[in-house]
Amino acid sequence: MAAAKRHAWYKTAAAIARQGHVAYALDQRGHGDSEWVASGAYVFSDYAADAILVAAELTRRHGTKSSVIGTSLGGIASLLAEGQSERDSGTNVFSALVLVDITPRVDPSGVAKVLGFMVRMPMKDSRRLPMPPRPSPIICHNGPRQKAKRA
């Protein structure tokens, strides 16, 4: 699971595969190359539920629980999935969980520093700014909502 685009993990996945393991690199819903969710369900619990479903499917396919590297939102989703599973059934979702650029405890002064830095940084493309999950961009027409093409 990775919140950074899954393509960033290609070399890591290839190295894992060379060691005889199966490697998957996934984009979270509405991120990277994944599709938008029509219902607009983009809260942490939705991402955690996705992580649980993916983990269950991979366990079914391979007969063993996955080791997961969770980056940013992928780390939050994986951590929440693990906590939910512990609370609900007393079992682990993953055999191991590695968190990258995420922590179970946040120092508010560190958050303030990061946000201050990001506000001062000149950004060419506003889509690079961290934003809360949002509904899919739409093209106005009389039919169902459709994802707009990104420039």
N, C-alpha and C. Protein backbone atom coordinates (compact mmCIF):
# COMPACT_ATOMS: atom_id res chain seq x y z
N MET A 1 0.84 -1.16 0.00
CA MET A 1 0.00 0.00 0.00
C MET A 1 0.89 1.23 0.00
N ALA A 2 0.59 2.14 -0.84
CA ALA A 2 1.39 3.35 -0.85
C ALA A 2 0.53 4.52 -1.26
N ALA A 3 0.67 5.62 -0.57
CA ALA A 3 -0.08 6.80 -0.97
C ALA A 3 0.66 7.55 -2.05
N ALA A 4 1.98 7.48 -2.04
CA ALA A 4 2.71 8.01 -3.18
C ALA A 4 2.30 7.15 -4.37
N LYS A 5 2.38 7.71 -5.56
CA LYS A 5 1.98 6.90 -6.72
C LYS A 5 2.70 5.57 -6.69
N ARG A 6 1.98 4.54 -7.03
CA ARG A 6 2.54 3.19 -6.97
C ARG A 6 3.76 3.03 -7.85
N HIS A 7 3.86 3.85 -8.90
CA HIS A 7 5.01 3.74 -9.81
C HIS A 7 6.33 4.03 -9.09
N ALA A 8 6.27 4.80 -8.03
CA ALA A 8 7.48 5.13 -7.27
C ALA A 8 8.08 3.89 -6.61
N TRP A 9 7.28 2.83 -6.49
CA TRP A 9 7.73 1.61 -5.83
C TRP A 9 8.17 0.53 -6.80
N TYR A 10 8.25 0.85 -8.09
CA TYR A 10 8.57 -0.18 -9.08
C TYR A 10 9.89 -0.88 -8.80
N LYS A 11 10.94 -0.11 -8.54
CA LYS A 11 12.26 -0.73 -8.31
C LYS A 11 12.27 -1.58 -7.05
N THR A 12 11.58 -1.11 -6.02
CA THR A 12 11.50 -1.88 -4.79
C THR A 12 10.74 -3.18 -5.03
N ALA A 13 9.62 -3.09 -5.74
CA ALA A 13 8.84 -4.30 -6.04
C ALA A 13 9.66 -5.28 -6.87
N ALA A 14 10.41 -4.78 -7.83
CA ALA A 14 11.25 -5.66 -8.65
C ALA A 14 12.31 -6.36 -7.80
N ALA A 15 12.92 -5.63 -6.86
CA ALA A 15 13.92 -6.23 -5.98
C ALA A 15 13.30 -7.30 -5.09
N ILE A 16 12.09 -7.04 -4.59
CA ILE A 16 11.39 -8.03 -3.77
C ILE A 16 11.09 -9.27 -4.61
N ALA A 17 10.64 -9.07 -5.84
CA ALA A 17 10.33 -10.19 -6.73
C ALA A 17 11.57 -11.02 -7.04
N ARG A 18 12.72 -10.36 -7.21
CA ARG A 18 13.97 -11.09 -7.48
C ARG A 18 14.34 -11.99 -6.31
N GLN A 19 13.86 -11.67 -5.12
CA GLN A 19 14.13 -12.50 -3.94
C GLN A 19 13.13 -13.64 -3.82
N GLY A 20 12.25 -13.79 -4.81
CA GLY A 20 11.31 -14.90 -4.83
C GLY A 20 9.96 -14.62 -4.19
N HIS A 21 9.67 -13.36 -3.92
CA HIS A 21 8.40 -13.00 -3.31
C HIS A 21 7.50 -12.32 -4.33
N VAL A 22 6.21 -12.30 -4.05
CA VAL A 22 5.26 -11.58 -4.89
C VAL A 22 5.15 -10.17 -4.34
N ALA A 23 5.15 -9.18 -5.21
CA ALA A 23 5.07 -7.79 -4.79
C ALA A 23 3.95 -7.08 -5.54
N TYR A 24 3.17 -6.33 -4.81
CA TYR A 24 2.11 -5.51 -5.38
C TYR A 24 2.36 -4.07 -4.98
N ALA A 25 2.10 -3.15 -5.88
CA ALA A 25 2.16 -1.72 -5.55
C ALA A 25 0.80 -1.14 -5.92
N LEU A 26 0.12 -0.57 -4.95
CA LEU A 26 -1.26 -0.13 -5.14
C LEU A 26 -1.40 1.37 -4.89
N ASP A 27 -2.30 1.98 -5.62
CA ASP A 27 -2.70 3.36 -5.36
C ASP A 27 -3.97 3.32 -4.52
N GLN A 28 -4.08 4.23 -3.55
CA GLN A 28 -5.31 4.34 -2.77
C GLN A 28 -6.43 4.87 -3.66
N ARG A 29 -7.66 4.59 -3.27
CA ARG A 29 -8.81 5.10 -4.04
C ARG A 29 -8.70 6.61 -4.22
N GLY A 30 -8.93 7.05 -5.46
CA GLY A 30 -8.89 8.48 -5.76
C GLY A 30 -7.50 9.08 -5.82
N HIS A 31 -6.45 8.27 -5.73
CA HIS A 31 -5.08 8.75 -5.76
C HIS A 31 -4.32 8.05 -6.89
N GLY A 32 -3.26 8.70 -7.35
CA GLY A 32 -2.44 8.08 -8.40
C GLY A 32 -3.27 7.75 -9.62
N ASP A 33 -3.18 6.50 -10.06
CA ASP A 33 -3.90 6.07 -11.25
C ASP A 33 -5.23 5.39 -10.93
N SER A 34 -5.62 5.36 -9.66
CA SER A 34 -6.87 4.68 -9.31
C SER A 34 -8.07 5.55 -9.69
N GLU A 35 -9.20 4.90 -9.77
CA GLU A 35 -10.44 5.60 -10.12
C GLU A 35 -11.00 6.33 -8.89
N TRP A 36 -11.81 7.32 -9.16
CA TRP A 36 -12.56 7.99 -8.11
C TRP A 36 -13.71 7.09 -7.69
N VAL A 37 -14.13 7.20 -6.45
CA VAL A 37 -15.26 6.43 -5.95
C VAL A 37 -16.51 7.29 -6.10
N ALA A 38 -17.50 6.76 -6.78
CA ALA A 38 -18.71 7.54 -7.09
C ALA A 38 -19.40 8.05 -5.82
N SER A 39 -19.34 7.29 -4.75
CA SER A 39 -20.02 7.69 -3.52
C SER A 39 -19.32 8.84 -2.79
N GLY A 40 -18.08 9.13 -3.20
CA GLY A 40 -17.33 10.18 -2.52
C GLY A 40 -16.81 9.76 -1.16
N ALA A 41 -16.69 8.45 -0.94
CA ALA A 41 -16.24 7.91 0.35
C ALA A 41 -14.71 7.99 0.44
N TYR A 42 -14.22 9.08 1.06
CA TYR A 42 -12.79 9.32 1.16
C TYR A 42 -12.39 9.68 2.59
N VAL A 43 -12.84 8.93 3.56
CA VAL A 43 -12.41 9.17 4.94
C VAL A 43 -11.46 8.03 5.33
N PHE A 44 -10.70 8.25 6.39
CA PHE A 44 -9.69 7.27 6.78
C PHE A 44 -10.27 5.87 6.93
N SER A 45 -11.47 5.76 7.48
CA SER A 45 -12.06 4.42 7.67
C SER A 45 -12.33 3.73 6.33
N ASP A 46 -12.61 4.51 5.28
CA ASP A 46 -12.81 3.91 3.95
C ASP A 46 -11.49 3.33 3.42
N TYR A 47 -10.42 4.08 3.61
CA TYR A 47 -9.10 3.59 3.16
C TYR A 47 -8.69 2.35 3.97
N ALA A 48 -8.98 2.37 5.27
CA ALA A 48 -8.67 1.21 6.12
C ALA A 48 -9.47 -0.01 5.67
N ALA A 49 -10.75 0.19 5.35
CA ALA A 49 -11.57 -0.92 4.87
C ALA A 49 -11.01 -1.49 3.57
N ASP A 50 -10.53 -0.62 2.68
CA ASP A 50 -9.90 -1.08 1.44
C ASP A 50 -8.67 -1.94 1.76
N ALA A 51 -7.86 -1.48 2.71
CA ALA A 51 -6.65 -2.22 3.09
C ALA A 51 -7.01 -3.60 3.62
N ILE A 52 -8.06 -3.68 4.42
CA ILE A 52 -8.49 -4.98 4.96
C ILE A 52 -8.95 -5.90 3.84
N LEU A 53 -9.72 -5.36 2.89
CA LEU A 53 -10.20 -6.17 1.76
C LEU A 53 -9.05 -6.68 0.89
N VAL A 54 -8.12 -5.79 0.58
CA VAL A 54 -6.96 -6.19 -0.23
C VAL A 54 -6.14 -7.24 0.51
N ALA A 55 -5.91 -7.03 1.79
CA ALA A 55 -5.13 -7.99 2.58
C ALA A 55 -5.81 -9.35 2.61
N ALA A 56 -7.13 -9.37 2.78
CA ALA A 56 -7.87 -10.63 2.80
C ALA A 56 -7.75 -11.36 1.46
N GLU A 57 -7.86 -10.61 0.37
CA GLU A 57 -7.75 -11.23 -0.95
C GLU A 57 -6.34 -11.78 -1.19
N LEU A 58 -5.33 -11.03 -0.79
CA LEU A 58 -3.96 -11.51 -0.98
C LEU A 58 -3.67 -12.72 -0.10
N THR A 59 -4.22 -12.75 1.09
CA THR A 59 -4.08 -13.92 1.96
C THR A 59 -4.75 -15.12 1.32
N ARG A 60 -5.94 -14.90 0.75
CA ARG A 60 -6.64 -16.00 0.06
C ARG A 60 -5.82 -16.51 -1.12
N ARG A 61 -5.26 -15.62 -1.90
CA ARG A 61 -4.51 -16.01 -3.09
C ARG A 61 -3.20 -16.73 -2.76
N HIS A 62 -2.51 -16.26 -1.73
CA HIS A 62 -1.16 -16.73 -1.48
C HIS A 62 -1.02 -17.60 -0.24
N GLY A 63 -2.09 -17.72 0.55
CA GLY A 63 -2.06 -18.60 1.71
C GLY A 63 -1.27 -18.08 2.90
N THR A 64 -0.85 -16.85 2.85
CA THR A 64 -0.12 -16.24 3.96
C THR A 64 -0.43 -14.76 4.01
N LYS A 65 -0.35 -14.19 5.20
CA LYS A 65 -0.61 -12.76 5.34
C LYS A 65 0.52 -11.95 4.72
N SER A 66 0.17 -10.80 4.20
CA SER A 66 1.13 -9.93 3.52
C SER A 66 1.94 -9.11 4.51
N SER A 67 3.16 -8.81 4.09
CA SER A 67 3.95 -7.77 4.73
C SER A 67 3.67 -6.50 3.94
N VAL A 68 3.46 -5.39 4.63
CA VAL A 68 3.02 -4.17 3.96
C VAL A 68 3.98 -3.03 4.28
N ILE A 69 4.28 -2.24 3.24
CA ILE A 69 4.98 -0.97 3.41
C ILE A 69 3.93 0.10 3.14
N GLY A 70 3.61 0.88 4.15
CA GLY A 70 2.59 1.91 4.01
C GLY A 70 3.21 3.29 4.05
N THR A 71 3.06 4.03 2.95
CA THR A 71 3.62 5.37 2.84
C THR A 71 2.51 6.40 2.95
N SER A 72 2.67 7.36 3.82
CA SER A 72 1.74 8.47 3.94
C SER A 72 0.33 7.94 4.17
N LEU A 73 -0.62 8.24 3.27
CA LEU A 73 -2.00 7.79 3.45
C LEU A 73 -2.07 6.27 3.49
N GLY A 74 -1.24 5.59 2.71
CA GLY A 74 -1.22 4.12 2.75
C GLY A 74 -0.79 3.61 4.12
N GLY A 75 0.12 4.34 4.76
CA GLY A 75 0.55 3.99 6.11
C GLY A 75 -0.56 4.20 7.12
N ILE A 76 -1.26 5.32 6.99
CA ILE A 76 -2.39 5.59 7.89
C ILE A 76 -3.46 4.52 7.71
N ALA A 77 -3.81 4.23 6.46
CA ALA A 77 -4.84 3.22 6.18
C ALA A 77 -4.44 1.86 6.74
N SER A 78 -3.20 1.47 6.53
CA SER A 78 -2.73 0.17 7.01
C SER A 78 -2.70 0.11 8.53
N LEU A 79 -2.26 1.19 9.17
CA LEU A 79 -2.21 1.25 10.62
C LEU A 79 -3.63 1.17 11.20
N LEU A 80 -4.56 1.90 10.61
CA LEU A 80 -5.95 1.84 11.07
C LEU A 80 -6.56 0.46 10.83
N ALA A 81 -6.24 -0.14 9.69
CA ALA A 81 -6.76 -1.49 9.40
C ALA A 81 -6.26 -2.49 10.44
N GLU A 82 -4.99 -2.39 10.77
CA GLU A 82 -4.40 -3.29 11.77
C GLU A 82 -5.07 -3.08 13.13
N GLY A 83 -5.23 -1.82 13.52
CA GLY A 83 -5.87 -1.53 14.81
C GLY A 83 -7.32 -2.00 14.85
N GLN A 84 -8.05 -1.79 13.77
CA GLN A 84 -9.44 -2.22 13.71
C GLN A 84 -9.55 -3.73 13.83
N SER A 85 -8.69 -4.44 13.13
CA SER A 85 -8.72 -5.89 13.18
C SER A 85 -8.38 -6.41 14.58
N GLU A 86 -7.37 -5.80 15.19
CA GLU A 86 -7.00 -6.17 16.58
C GLU A 86 -8.19 -5.97 17.50
N ARG A 87 -8.85 -4.81 17.37
CA ARG A 87 -9.98 -4.48 18.24
C ARG A 87 -11.17 -5.40 17.99
N ASP A 88 -11.48 -5.65 16.70
CA ASP A 88 -12.69 -6.40 16.37
C ASP A 88 -12.55 -7.91 16.52
N SER A 89 -11.37 -8.45 16.17
CA SER A 89 -11.23 -9.91 16.17
C SER A 89 -10.02 -10.42 16.91
N GLY A 90 -9.16 -9.52 17.37
CA GLY A 90 -7.96 -9.94 18.08
C GLY A 90 -6.90 -10.54 17.17
N THR A 91 -7.03 -10.31 15.85
CA THR A 91 -6.07 -10.87 14.90
C THR A 91 -5.39 -9.75 14.13
N ASN A 92 -4.29 -10.08 13.52
CA ASN A 92 -3.57 -9.13 12.67
C ASN A 92 -4.01 -9.27 11.23
N VAL A 93 -4.05 -8.15 10.53
CA VAL A 93 -4.36 -8.14 9.09
C VAL A 93 -3.11 -8.52 8.30
N PHE A 94 -1.97 -8.02 8.74
CA PHE A 94 -0.71 -8.19 8.02
C PHE A 94 0.27 -8.99 8.87
N SER A 95 1.24 -9.62 8.21
CA SER A 95 2.30 -10.30 8.97
C SER A 95 3.31 -9.29 9.48
N ALA A 96 3.45 -8.16 8.77
CA ALA A 96 4.35 -7.08 9.19
C ALA A 96 3.86 -5.79 8.56
N LEU A 97 4.12 -4.68 9.24
CA LEU A 97 3.73 -3.37 8.73
C LEU A 97 4.89 -2.40 8.93
N VAL A 98 5.38 -1.86 7.81
CA VAL A 98 6.45 -0.87 7.84
C VAL A 98 5.82 0.47 7.47
N LEU A 99 5.99 1.47 8.34
CA LEU A 99 5.44 2.79 8.07
C LEU A 99 6.53 3.71 7.54
N VAL A 100 6.22 4.40 6.44
CA VAL A 100 7.16 5.34 5.84
C VAL A 100 6.51 6.72 5.88
N ASP A 101 7.19 7.67 6.41
CA ASP A 101 6.79 9.07 6.59
C ASP A 101 5.44 9.23 7.29
N ILE A 102 5.16 8.34 8.20
CA ILE A 102 3.95 8.42 9.01
C ILE A 102 4.28 7.85 10.39
N THR A 103 3.60 8.33 11.39
CA THR A 103 3.84 7.88 12.75
C THR A 103 2.52 7.74 13.49
N PRO A 104 2.44 6.83 14.43
CA PRO A 104 1.20 6.72 15.20
C PRO A 104 0.99 7.90 16.16
N ARG A 105 2.04 8.67 16.43
CA ARG A 105 1.93 9.86 17.29
C ARG A 105 2.44 11.07 16.51
N VAL A 106 1.71 12.16 16.60
CA VAL A 106 2.06 13.36 15.85
C VAL A 106 2.45 14.48 16.82
N ASP A 107 3.54 15.14 16.52
CA ASP A 107 4.00 16.28 17.28
C ASP A 107 3.43 17.53 16.60
N PRO A 108 2.50 18.24 17.25
CA PRO A 108 1.88 19.41 16.62
C PRO A 108 2.89 20.46 16.15
N SER A 109 4.01 20.62 16.84
CA SER A 109 4.98 21.61 16.39
C SER A 109 5.62 21.17 15.07
N GLY A 110 5.80 19.87 14.89
CA GLY A 110 6.32 19.35 13.62
C GLY A 110 5.34 19.57 12.49
N VAL A 111 4.06 19.36 12.76
CA VAL A 111 3.02 19.60 11.75
C VAL A 111 3.04 21.07 11.34
N ALA A 112 3.15 21.96 12.32
CA ALA A 112 3.18 23.39 12.03
C ALA A 112 4.38 23.75 11.15
N LYS A 113 5.53 23.13 11.41
CA LYS A 113 6.72 23.40 10.60
C LYS A 113 6.51 22.96 9.15
N VAL A 114 5.96 21.76 8.98
CA VAL A 114 5.74 21.24 7.63
C VAL A 114 4.73 22.11 6.89
N LEU A 115 3.63 22.45 7.54
CA LEU A 115 2.62 23.29 6.89
C LEU A 115 3.18 24.66 6.55
N GLY A 116 3.97 25.23 7.46
CA GLY A 116 4.59 26.53 7.20
C GLY A 116 5.51 26.48 5.99
N PHE A 117 6.29 25.41 5.91
CA PHE A 117 7.19 25.23 4.76
C PHE A 117 6.40 25.13 3.46
N MET A 118 5.33 24.34 3.49
CA MET A 118 4.55 24.12 2.27
C MET A 118 3.86 25.40 1.81
N VAL A 119 3.42 26.22 2.75
CA VAL A 119 2.77 27.49 2.39
C VAL A 119 3.78 28.42 1.73
N ARG A 120 5.03 28.40 2.21
CA ARG A 120 6.06 29.28 1.65
C ARG A 120 6.61 28.80 0.32
N MET A 121 6.46 27.51 0.01
CA MET A 121 7.02 26.95 -1.22
C MET A 121 6.23 27.42 -2.43
N PRO A 122 6.92 27.94 -3.46
CA PRO A 122 6.19 28.27 -4.69
C PRO A 122 5.77 26.97 -5.37
N MET A 123 4.52 26.87 -5.71
CA MET A 123 4.00 25.68 -6.35
C MET A 123 3.49 26.03 -7.73
N LYS A 124 3.98 25.30 -8.70
CA LYS A 124 3.54 25.51 -10.08
C LYS A 124 2.14 24.94 -10.28
N ASP A 125 1.86 23.85 -9.59
CA ASP A 125 0.63 23.10 -9.82
C ASP A 125 -0.08 22.93 -8.48
N SER A 126 -1.24 23.52 -8.32
CA SER A 126 -1.95 23.47 -7.04
C SER A 126 -2.34 22.05 -6.66
N ARG A 127 -2.38 21.12 -7.61
CA ARG A 127 -2.72 19.74 -7.28
C ARG A 127 -1.63 19.08 -6.45
N ARG A 128 -0.44 19.69 -6.37
CA ARG A 128 0.63 19.12 -5.57
C ARG A 128 0.45 19.43 -4.09
N LEU A 129 -0.41 20.40 -3.77
CA LEU A 129 -0.65 20.73 -2.38
C LEU A 129 -1.45 19.62 -1.71
N PRO A 130 -1.15 19.30 -0.46
CA PRO A 130 -1.96 18.28 0.21
C PRO A 130 -3.35 18.84 0.47
N MET A 131 -4.34 18.10 0.09
CA MET A 131 -5.71 18.55 0.27
C MET A 131 -6.52 17.41 0.86
N PRO A 132 -7.56 17.75 1.58
CA PRO A 132 -8.42 16.69 2.10
C PRO A 132 -9.09 15.97 0.93
N PRO A 133 -9.49 14.72 1.14
CA PRO A 133 -10.19 14.02 0.07
C PRO A 133 -11.37 14.87 -0.42
N ARG A 134 -11.60 14.81 -1.69
CA ARG A 134 -12.62 15.65 -2.29
C ARG A 134 -13.41 14.86 -3.32
N PRO A 135 -14.58 15.36 -3.66
CA PRO A 135 -15.34 14.66 -4.69
C PRO A 135 -14.61 14.75 -6.02
N SER A 136 -14.89 13.81 -6.87
CA SER A 136 -14.27 13.78 -8.18
C SER A 136 -14.61 15.04 -8.97
N PRO A 137 -13.62 15.57 -9.73
CA PRO A 137 -13.99 16.65 -10.64
C PRO A 137 -15.02 16.11 -11.63
N ILE A 138 -15.97 16.92 -11.99
CA ILE A 138 -17.00 16.44 -12.90
C ILE A 138 -17.09 17.31 -14.14
N ILE A 139 -17.60 16.71 -15.17
CA ILE A 139 -17.92 17.43 -16.39
C ILE A 139 -19.43 17.64 -16.33
N CYS A 140 -19.88 18.86 -16.47
CA CYS A 140 -21.32 19.13 -16.38
C CYS A 140 -22.02 18.63 -17.63
N HIS A 141 -23.00 17.81 -17.42
CA HIS A 141 -23.87 17.33 -18.48
C HIS A 141 -25.08 16.71 -17.80
N ASN A 142 -26.01 16.20 -18.57
CA ASN A 142 -27.24 15.67 -17.99
C ASN A 142 -27.12 14.22 -17.54
N GLY A 143 -26.05 13.53 -17.89
CA GLY A 143 -25.89 12.14 -17.53
C GLY A 143 -25.22 11.98 -16.17
N PRO A 144 -24.77 10.76 -15.84
CA PRO A 144 -24.11 10.53 -14.55
C PRO A 144 -22.77 11.26 -14.48
N ARG A 145 -22.30 11.45 -13.24
CA ARG A 145 -21.00 12.10 -13.04
C ARG A 145 -19.90 11.29 -13.69
N GLN A 146 -18.95 11.97 -14.28
CA GLN A 146 -17.81 11.30 -14.88
C GLN A 146 -16.54 12.00 -14.45
N LYS A 147 -15.48 11.27 -14.39
CA LYS A 147 -14.18 11.84 -14.02
C LYS A 147 -13.70 12.73 -15.16
N ALA A 148 -13.28 13.92 -14.80
CA ALA A 148 -12.74 14.84 -15.80
C ALA A 148 -11.31 14.42 -16.12
N LYS A 149 -10.89 14.67 -17.34
CA LYS A 149 -9.51 14.38 -17.70
C LYS A 149 -8.60 15.37 -17.03
N ARG A 150 -7.50 14.86 -16.48
CA ARG A 150 -6.54 15.74 -15.84
C ARG A 150 -5.59 16.31 -16.89
N ALA A 151 -5.21 17.57 -16.70
CA ALA A 151 -4.33 18.23 -17.66
C ALA A 151 -2.91 17.71 -17.50
